[in-house]
Amino acid sequence: MKRFEELFEELSRKVRDRDPASGTVQRVEEGSHAIGKKMLEEAGEVWMAASCESRQRTAEEISQLLYHIQVMMLACDLTLEDVYRYL
């Protein structure tokens, strides 16, 4: 099981190293517009799962949304500390 910070470090490393096999690198290269569209899609899926599906399905959808949020952070050159500052 990965934690939020561990996932961010793993994704950061892939982006920094420009890992050619990484879907994350590809998404970052597509830019904030494409990432934003995916975030909106995932947010809708979270909402629908929370409204109509199981706790497990909701958790799965939330994990996907968190991933895409981290991809957006990387595309915008934000760190965890940049975001934590506002929590």
C-alpha atoms as a PDB file:
ATOM      1  CA  MET A   1       0.000   0.000   0.000  1.00  0.00           C
ATOM      2  CA  LYS A   2       1.346   3.418  -0.961  1.00  0.00           C
ATOM      3  CA  ARG A   3       0.893   6.571   1.056  1.00  0.00           C
ATOM      4  CA  PHE A   4       0.193   9.971  -0.496  1.00  0.00           C
ATOM      5  CA  GLU A   5       3.743  11.232   0.079  1.00  0.00           C
ATOM      6  CA  GLU A   6       5.311   8.005  -1.212  1.00  0.00           C
ATOM      7  CA  LEU A   7       3.266   8.138  -4.391  1.00  0.00           C
ATOM      8  CA  PHE A   8       4.213  11.772  -4.945  1.00  0.00           C
ATOM      9  CA  GLU A   9       7.910  10.940  -4.570  1.00  0.00           C
ATOM     10  CA  GLU A  10       7.612   8.025  -6.992  1.00  0.00           C
ATOM     11  CA  LEU A  11       5.790  10.136  -9.579  1.00  0.00           C
ATOM     12  CA  SER A  12       8.220  13.027  -9.102  1.00  0.00           C
ATOM     13  CA  ARG A  13      11.141  10.711  -9.762  1.00  0.00           C
ATOM     14  CA  LYS A  14       9.530   9.384 -12.961  1.00  0.00           C
ATOM     15  CA  VAL A  15       8.887  12.904 -14.237  1.00  0.00           C
ATOM     16  CA  ARG A  16      12.354  14.121 -13.238  1.00  0.00           C
ATOM     17  CA  ASP A  17      13.983  11.151 -15.010  1.00  0.00           C
ATOM     18  CA  ARG A  18      11.621  11.467 -18.016  1.00  0.00           C
ATOM     19  CA  ASP A  19      10.882   7.733 -17.779  1.00  0.00           C
ATOM     20  CA  PRO A  20       9.804   6.845 -21.337  1.00  0.00           C
ATOM     21  CA  ALA A  21       7.651   3.944 -20.108  1.00  0.00           C
ATOM     22  CA  SER A  22       5.713   6.105 -17.640  1.00  0.00           C
ATOM     23  CA  GLY A  23       2.106   7.054 -18.261  1.00  0.00           C
ATOM     24  CA  THR A  24       2.579   9.791 -15.690  1.00  0.00           C
ATOM     25  CA  VAL A  25       5.317  11.404 -17.781  1.00  0.00           C
ATOM     26  CA  GLN A  26       3.040  11.275 -20.805  1.00  0.00           C
ATOM     27  CA  ARG A  27       0.197  12.907 -18.864  1.00  0.00           C
ATOM     28  CA  VAL A  28       2.457  15.679 -17.559  1.00  0.00           C
ATOM     29  CA  GLU A  29       3.652  16.342 -21.114  1.00  0.00           C
ATOM     30  CA  GLU A  30       0.008  16.628 -22.261  1.00  0.00           C
ATOM     31  CA  GLY A  31      -0.319  19.612 -19.939  1.00  0.00           C
ATOM     32  CA  SER A  32      -2.713  21.060 -17.412  1.00  0.00           C
ATOM     33  CA  HIS A  33      -5.712  21.246 -19.755  1.00  0.00           C
ATOM     34  CA  ALA A  34      -5.718  17.497 -20.451  1.00  0.00           C
ATOM     35  CA  ILE A  35      -4.965  16.694 -16.822  1.00  0.00           C
ATOM     36  CA  GLY A  36      -7.770  18.992 -15.685  1.00  0.00           C
ATOM     37  CA  LYS A  37     -10.253  17.214 -17.924  1.00  0.00           C
ATOM     38  CA  LYS A  38      -9.220  13.897 -16.385  1.00  0.00           C
ATOM     39  CA  MET A  39      -9.524  15.328 -12.879  1.00  0.00           C
ATOM     40  CA  LEU A  40     -13.080  16.467 -13.616  1.00  0.00           C
ATOM     41  CA  GLU A  41     -13.942  13.022 -14.971  1.00  0.00           C
ATOM     42  CA  GLU A  42     -12.522  11.337 -11.881  1.00  0.00           C
ATOM     43  CA  ALA A  43     -14.295  13.767  -9.538  1.00  0.00           C
ATOM     44  CA  GLY A  44     -17.591  12.879 -11.194  1.00  0.00           C
ATOM     45  CA  GLU A  45     -16.838   9.198 -10.753  1.00  0.00           C
ATOM     46  CA  VAL A  46     -16.119   9.777  -7.062  1.00  0.00           C
ATOM     47  CA  TRP A  47     -19.463  11.526  -6.692  1.00  0.00           C
ATOM     48  CA  MET A  48     -21.349   8.764  -8.484  1.00  0.00           C
ATOM     49  CA  ALA A  49     -19.612   6.008  -6.540  1.00  0.00           C
ATOM     50  CA  ALA A  50     -20.353   7.770  -3.257  1.00  0.00           C
ATOM     51  CA  SER A  51     -23.984   8.188  -4.253  1.00  0.00           C
ATOM     52  CA  CYS A  52     -24.698   4.808  -5.840  1.00  0.00           C
ATOM     53  CA  GLU A  53     -21.938   2.318  -5.179  1.00  0.00           C
ATOM     54  CA  SER A  54     -19.983   0.675  -2.388  1.00  0.00           C
ATOM     55  CA  ARG A  55     -17.458   2.127   0.028  1.00  0.00           C
ATOM     56  CA  GLN A  56     -14.778   0.077  -1.744  1.00  0.00           C
ATOM     57  CA  ARG A  57     -15.683   1.508  -5.164  1.00  0.00           C
ATOM     58  CA  THR A  58     -15.757   5.019  -3.696  1.00  0.00           C
ATOM     59  CA  ALA A  59     -12.296   4.517  -2.190  1.00  0.00           C
ATOM     60  CA  GLU A  60     -11.004   3.246  -5.527  1.00  0.00           C
ATOM     61  CA  GLU A  61     -12.353   6.303  -7.353  1.00  0.00           C
ATOM     62  CA  ILE A  62     -10.907   8.648  -4.716  1.00  0.00           C
ATOM     63  CA  SER A  63      -7.491   7.001  -5.153  1.00  0.00           C
ATOM     64  CA  GLN A  64      -7.666   7.684  -8.897  1.00  0.00           C
ATOM     65  CA  LEU A  65      -8.619  11.310  -8.287  1.00  0.00           C
ATOM     66  CA  LEU A  66      -5.715  11.723  -5.854  1.00  0.00           C
ATOM     67  CA  TYR A  67      -3.353  10.327  -8.491  1.00  0.00           C
ATOM     68  CA  HIS A  68      -4.529  12.836 -11.087  1.00  0.00           C
ATOM     69  CA  ILE A  69      -4.270  15.654  -8.552  1.00  0.00           C
ATOM     70  CA  GLN A  70      -0.641  14.708  -8.029  1.00  0.00           C
ATOM     71  CA  VAL A  71      -0.073  14.633 -11.783  1.00  0.00           C
ATOM     72  CA  MET A  72      -1.480  18.176 -11.957  1.00  0.00           C
ATOM     73  CA  MET A  73       0.823  19.229  -9.138  1.00  0.00           C
ATOM     74  CA  LEU A  74       3.807  17.900 -11.067  1.00  0.00           C
ATOM     75  CA  ALA A  75       2.702  19.569 -14.286  1.00  0.00           C
ATOM     76  CA  CYS A  76       2.440  22.874 -12.388  1.00  0.00           C
ATOM     77  CA  ASP A  77       5.794  22.348 -10.606  1.00  0.00           C
ATOM     78  CA  LEU A  78       4.140  22.288  -7.178  1.00  0.00           C
ATOM     79  CA  THR A  79       5.476  20.423  -4.162  1.00  0.00           C
ATOM     80  CA  LEU A  80       3.527  18.831  -1.351  1.00  0.00           C
ATOM     81  CA  GLU A  81       4.659  21.682   0.889  1.00  0.00           C
ATOM     82  CA  ASP A  82       3.195  24.220  -1.558  1.00  0.00           C
ATOM     83  CA  VAL A  83      -0.195  22.587  -1.117  1.00  0.00           C
ATOM     84  CA  TYR A  84       0.089  21.702   2.588  1.00  0.00           C
ATOM     85  CA  ARG A  85       0.667  25.380   3.294  1.00  0.00           C
ATOM     86  CA  TYR A  86      -3.038  25.942   2.578  1.00  0.00           C
ATOM     87  CA  LEU A  87      -4.493  23.017   4.540  1.00  0.00           C
END
